[in-house]
Amino acid sequence: MFITHVVEHQCLSSVNELRHLHIRAWIVSQMEAGHSPRSINRRLSCLKTYFKFLRKRGLLDKDPMKKVVAPRTGKRLPVFVQEKQLSALFNQIDFPETFTGQQQRLILELLYATGMRRSEASNLKIKDLDLQRMVLKVKGKGNKDRILPFAAYLTDLINRFIELREKSFPTSQEPWLFLNRKGTQLSPESIYQIVRKNLSLVTTVEQRSPHVLRHSFATHLSNHGAELNVIKELLGHSNLAATQVYMHNSIERLMEIYEKSHPKGDEK
């Protein structure tokens, strides 16, 4: 695509004729053709790697990418599931009273209740749970520990699950809370499949991953007035900038606030 453009539109016959102005012109043509900045930046990254290869081989004198400024990409708002849809998941979906059924429910509950990552759920050990204080410890990115609170109703759910786990694997010495059918540590990929399967029952959002439950946790906290610094600590973000994306509100929430707050908001 790039080579065709510079040959046909800029009449270049050798890569050494290429300058940053030619690449800028190609970027403009891409944007005029309706390609997103994110797509263009991916192609620029490929070009950068290609030019680096040519320079190492002595086939290119100067780096034509040196003065090229990549188009800015807007920040994507995190995908999340509506509260009423998650309520349907936990209150209307029937999870079998088997080890597998109850494990799936507890995984979903914990991911949404704490905002933990799937890798953190996979690595969760029974000893990491403090049911009296209603907190648990996870090891996040950078090997950093953090303490996460959970609601009182989860205490009974966790206790029942641990009893079921002991009955299902009476000789197990595994420290992990969640186990696969062989009685060994449940993988992050298995947790992904569990979440995707169950979210598909209540929502049509394109992304149905454990990270969507993490986004839902943070978004719903923000919608209900939680301070940004609190959300940052719960998510284990290293800086506030990574958490600020959760300051967005759904259109429904904005309309609700508007109608309640503005003197003429409820007029038809």
Protein backbone atom coordinates (compact mmCIF):
# COMPACT_ATOMS: atom_id res chain seq x y z
CA MET A 1 0.00 0.00 0.00
CA PHE A 2 2.79 2.44 0.96
CA ILE A 3 5.10 1.40 -1.88
CA THR A 4 2.27 1.68 -4.41
CA HIS A 5 1.51 5.19 -3.19
CA VAL A 6 5.07 6.53 -3.37
CA VAL A 7 5.69 4.95 -6.77
CA GLU A 8 2.41 6.00 -8.40
CA HIS A 9 1.78 9.36 -6.71
CA GLN A 10 5.27 10.59 -5.87
CA CYS A 11 7.19 8.99 -8.75
CA LEU A 12 9.99 7.55 -6.60
CA SER A 13 12.17 4.83 -8.10
CA SER A 14 14.54 4.12 -5.18
CA VAL A 15 14.13 3.86 -1.43
CA ASN A 16 17.04 6.30 -1.02
CA GLU A 17 14.90 9.00 -2.65
CA LEU A 18 12.41 8.69 0.20
CA ARG A 19 12.11 11.67 2.57
CA HIS A 20 9.89 12.51 5.51
CA LEU A 21 7.70 14.72 3.27
CA HIS A 22 6.79 11.68 1.19
CA ILE A 23 5.71 9.79 4.31
CA ARG A 24 3.70 12.77 5.54
CA ALA A 25 1.91 12.92 2.18
CA TRP A 26 1.11 9.22 2.47
CA ILE A 27 -0.29 9.77 6.00
CA VAL A 28 -2.58 12.51 4.65
CA SER A 29 -3.80 10.20 1.89
CA GLN A 30 -4.54 7.50 4.45
CA MET A 31 -6.56 9.89 6.62
CA GLU A 32 -8.47 11.19 3.59
CA ALA A 33 -9.30 7.57 2.71
CA GLY A 34 -10.96 7.22 6.12
CA HIS A 35 -8.37 5.08 7.92
CA SER A 36 -8.22 5.58 11.69
CA PRO A 37 -5.15 7.10 13.38
CA ARG A 38 -4.68 3.82 15.23
CA SER A 39 -4.49 1.86 11.95
CA ILE A 40 -2.13 4.39 10.40
CA ASN A 41 0.15 4.24 13.43
CA ARG A 42 0.36 0.45 13.16
CA ARG A 43 1.47 0.82 9.54
CA LEU A 44 4.00 3.50 10.49
CA SER A 45 5.43 1.12 13.07
CA CYS A 46 5.90 -1.50 10.34
CA LEU A 47 7.60 1.08 8.11
CA LYS A 48 9.90 2.10 10.95
CA THR A 49 10.99 -1.51 11.42
CA TYR A 50 11.47 -1.94 7.67
CA PHE A 51 13.63 1.19 7.36
CA LYS A 52 15.70 0.10 10.35
CA PHE A 53 16.34 -3.23 8.62
CA LEU A 54 17.41 -1.46 5.40
CA ARG A 55 19.81 0.83 7.27
CA LYS A 56 21.43 -2.14 9.03
CA ARG A 57 21.98 -3.74 5.62
CA GLY A 58 23.44 -0.54 4.23
CA LEU A 59 20.62 -0.13 1.73
CA LEU A 60 19.33 3.16 3.15
CA ASP A 61 21.42 6.25 3.94
CA LYS A 62 19.08 8.26 6.18
CA ASP A 63 16.06 7.45 8.30
CA PRO A 64 13.05 9.04 6.54
CA MET A 65 10.93 8.53 9.68
CA LYS A 66 13.03 10.94 11.77
CA LYS A 67 10.82 13.99 11.26
CA VAL A 68 7.53 12.14 10.88
CA VAL A 69 4.91 12.87 13.55
CA ALA A 70 2.37 10.09 14.00
CA PRO A 71 -1.33 11.09 14.06
CA ARG A 72 -2.81 11.39 17.51
CA THR A 73 -5.19 8.71 18.66
CA GLY A 74 -8.07 9.51 20.95
CA LYS A 75 -8.29 7.59 24.20
CA ARG A 76 -10.72 4.69 24.02
CA LEU A 77 -13.37 4.69 26.69
CA PRO A 78 -13.34 1.39 28.54
CA VAL A 79 -16.04 -1.11 27.61
CA PHE A 80 -18.23 -2.02 30.56
CA VAL A 81 -21.39 -3.96 31.32
CA GLN A 82 -24.47 -2.17 32.63
CA GLU A 83 -25.35 -2.70 36.29
CA LYS A 84 -28.75 -4.22 35.48
CA GLN A 85 -27.08 -6.76 33.17
CA LEU A 86 -24.64 -7.84 35.87
CA SER A 87 -27.53 -8.03 38.31
CA ALA A 88 -29.21 -10.44 35.88
CA LEU A 89 -26.01 -12.49 35.71
CA PHE A 90 -25.83 -13.01 39.45
CA ASN A 91 -29.55 -13.16 40.25
CA GLN A 92 -31.17 -14.82 37.26
CA ILE A 93 -28.56 -17.20 35.85
CA ASP A 94 -28.67 -20.64 37.45
CA PHE A 95 -25.20 -21.85 38.43
CA PRO A 96 -25.20 -25.63 39.16
CA GLU A 97 -24.45 -26.70 42.72
CA THR A 98 -21.38 -28.56 41.49
CA PHE A 99 -17.73 -27.67 42.00
CA THR A 100 -17.48 -26.35 38.42
CA GLY A 101 -20.74 -24.39 38.64
CA GLN A 102 -19.94 -22.76 41.96
CA GLN A 103 -16.36 -22.04 40.97
CA GLN A 104 -17.59 -20.20 37.88
CA ARG A 105 -19.96 -18.13 39.98
CA LEU A 106 -17.30 -17.25 42.56
CA ILE A 107 -14.82 -16.24 39.85
CA LEU A 108 -17.38 -13.89 38.31
CA GLU A 109 -18.38 -12.50 41.70
CA LEU A 110 -14.80 -11.83 42.79
CA LEU A 111 -13.72 -10.25 39.52
CA TYR A 112 -16.63 -7.81 39.66
CA ALA A 113 -16.52 -7.26 43.42
CA THR A 114 -12.79 -6.46 43.57
CA GLY A 115 -11.68 -5.41 40.08
CA MET A 116 -8.82 -7.91 40.12
CA ARG A 117 -7.17 -9.08 36.90
CA ARG A 118 -7.60 -12.64 35.61
CA SER A 119 -3.94 -13.41 36.36
CA GLU A 120 -4.48 -12.22 39.93
CA ALA A 121 -7.53 -14.47 40.26
CA SER A 122 -5.55 -17.42 38.88
CA ASN A 123 -2.79 -16.83 41.43
CA LEU A 124 -5.15 -16.30 44.37
CA LYS A 125 -4.36 -18.67 47.24
CA ILE A 126 -6.67 -19.78 50.03
CA LYS A 127 -4.31 -18.22 52.58
CA ASP A 128 -4.72 -14.86 50.81
CA LEU A 129 -8.34 -14.69 52.00
CA ASP A 130 -9.19 -13.07 55.34
CA LEU A 131 -12.88 -13.83 55.76
CA GLN A 132 -13.15 -12.17 59.17
CA ARG A 133 -11.86 -8.82 57.94
CA MET A 134 -13.49 -9.38 54.51
CA VAL A 135 -10.32 -8.59 52.57
CA LEU A 136 -8.03 -10.52 50.27
CA LYS A 137 -4.46 -10.03 49.07
CA VAL A 138 -3.44 -10.15 45.42
CA LYS A 139 -0.06 -9.83 43.76
CA GLY A 140 -0.36 -7.40 40.87
CA LYS A 141 1.90 -6.00 38.18
CA GLY A 142 5.48 -5.40 39.23
CA ASN A 143 5.05 -8.08 41.91
CA LYS A 144 3.26 -5.53 44.11
CA ASP A 145 0.83 -6.74 46.78
CA ARG A 146 -2.41 -4.94 47.43
CA ILE A 147 -5.34 -5.52 49.77
CA LEU A 148 -8.86 -5.63 48.33
CA PRO A 149 -12.06 -5.49 50.38
CA PHE A 150 -15.15 -7.50 49.45
CA ALA A 151 -18.80 -7.41 50.48
CA ALA A 152 -20.13 -9.47 53.39
CA TYR A 153 -22.32 -11.69 51.20
CA LEU A 154 -19.20 -13.14 49.58
CA THR A 155 -18.01 -14.60 52.87
CA ASP A 156 -20.72 -17.29 52.83
CA LEU A 157 -20.18 -17.93 49.13
CA ILE A 158 -16.43 -18.39 49.65
CA ASN A 159 -16.92 -20.66 52.68
CA ARG A 160 -19.35 -22.89 50.80
CA PHE A 161 -17.02 -23.05 47.82
CA ILE A 162 -14.00 -24.04 49.94
CA GLU A 163 -16.06 -26.85 51.49
CA LEU A 164 -17.08 -28.02 48.02
CA ARG A 165 -13.46 -27.77 46.87
CA GLU A 166 -12.30 -30.00 49.74
CA LYS A 167 -14.96 -32.58 48.93
CA SER A 168 -14.10 -32.55 45.23
CA PHE A 169 -10.32 -32.78 45.84
CA PRO A 170 -9.93 -34.34 49.32
CA THR A 171 -6.21 -35.09 48.94
CA SER A 172 -5.23 -31.86 47.23
CA GLN A 173 -2.25 -29.96 48.60
CA GLU A 174 -2.59 -27.17 46.03
CA PRO A 175 -2.55 -23.69 47.61
CA TRP A 176 -4.60 -22.11 44.82
CA LEU A 177 -8.23 -21.20 45.45
CA PHE A 178 -9.34 -22.08 41.92
CA LEU A 179 -8.55 -25.47 40.41
CA ASN A 180 -9.05 -27.13 37.04
CA ARG A 181 -10.54 -30.60 36.50
CA LYS A 182 -7.17 -32.21 37.25
CA GLY A 183 -6.99 -30.46 40.60
CA THR A 184 -4.17 -28.11 39.62
CA GLN A 185 -4.07 -24.33 39.28
CA LEU A 186 -6.77 -22.86 37.04
CA SER A 187 -5.12 -20.89 34.23
CA PRO A 188 -5.86 -17.26 33.29
CA GLU A 189 -7.02 -18.52 29.88
CA SER A 190 -9.62 -20.76 31.56
CA ILE A 191 -10.84 -17.79 33.57
CA TYR A 192 -11.15 -15.81 30.34
CA GLN A 193 -13.31 -18.55 28.80
CA ILE A 194 -15.52 -18.73 31.90
CA VAL A 195 -16.15 -14.98 31.86
CA ARG A 196 -16.77 -14.83 28.12
CA LYS A 197 -19.26 -17.69 28.21
CA ASN A 198 -21.27 -16.24 31.09
CA LEU A 199 -21.23 -12.59 30.01
CA SER A 200 -22.60 -13.74 26.65
CA LEU A 201 -25.78 -14.71 28.51
CA VAL A 202 -26.55 -11.17 29.67
CA THR A 203 -24.87 -8.67 27.32
CA THR A 204 -24.16 -8.09 23.65
CA VAL A 205 -21.04 -5.94 24.13
CA GLU A 206 -18.34 -7.04 21.72
CA GLN A 207 -15.70 -7.51 24.41
CA ARG A 208 -16.68 -10.00 27.09
CA SER A 209 -13.39 -10.57 28.89
CA PRO A 210 -12.34 -10.48 32.56
CA HIS A 211 -10.97 -6.99 31.86
CA VAL A 212 -14.51 -5.86 31.00
CA LEU A 213 -15.58 -6.89 34.51
CA ARG A 214 -12.62 -4.89 35.83
CA HIS A 215 -13.79 -1.90 33.77
CA SER A 216 -17.35 -2.42 35.04
CA PHE A 217 -16.12 -2.48 38.66
CA ALA A 218 -14.28 0.83 38.24
CA THR A 219 -17.01 2.50 36.16
CA HIS A 220 -19.78 1.60 38.60
CA LEU A 221 -17.70 2.83 41.55
CA SER A 222 -17.14 6.12 39.73
CA ASN A 223 -20.83 6.42 38.84
CA HIS A 224 -21.74 6.02 42.51
CA GLY A 225 -19.35 8.72 43.67
CA ALA A 226 -16.16 6.88 44.63
CA GLU A 227 -13.07 9.10 44.68
CA LEU A 228 -10.59 8.65 41.87
CA ASN A 229 -7.70 7.97 44.26
CA VAL A 230 -9.66 5.16 45.90
CA ILE A 231 -10.36 3.54 42.51
CA LYS A 232 -6.67 3.94 41.62
CA GLU A 233 -5.58 2.05 44.75
CA LEU A 234 -8.13 -0.72 44.26
CA LEU A 235 -7.09 -1.25 40.64
CA GLY A 236 -3.40 -1.16 41.49
CA HIS A 237 -2.60 1.60 39.01
CA SER A 238 0.83 3.20 39.42
CA ASN A 239 -0.41 6.68 38.49
CA LEU A 240 -3.66 8.60 38.46
CA ALA A 241 -3.62 9.17 34.70
CA ALA A 242 -4.40 5.50 34.07
CA THR A 243 -7.49 5.77 36.29
CA GLN A 244 -8.89 9.04 34.94
CA VAL A 245 -10.56 7.26 32.04
CA TYR A 246 -13.13 5.97 34.53
CA MET A 247 -14.38 9.50 35.16
CA HIS A 248 -16.64 9.07 32.15
CA ASN A 249 -20.31 8.36 32.77
CA SER A 250 -22.81 6.48 30.67
CA ILE A 251 -25.35 8.56 28.76
CA GLU A 252 -28.10 7.09 30.93
CA ARG A 253 -26.32 8.24 34.09
CA LEU A 254 -25.78 11.75 32.71
CA MET A 255 -29.43 12.02 31.71
CA GLU A 256 -30.53 10.83 35.14
CA ILE A 257 -28.38 13.48 36.87
CA TYR A 258 -29.58 16.16 34.46
CA GLU A 259 -33.25 15.36 34.93
CA LYS A 260 -32.91 15.35 38.72
CA SER A 261 -30.74 18.45 38.96
CA HIS A 262 -31.85 20.92 36.28
CA PRO A 263 -35.06 22.94 37.01
CA LYS A 264 -36.39 22.16 33.55
CA GLY A 265 -34.75 18.74 33.20
CA ASP A 266 -37.96 16.73 33.66
CA GLU A 267 -40.11 18.79 31.27
CA LYS A 268 -41.50 16.90 28.28
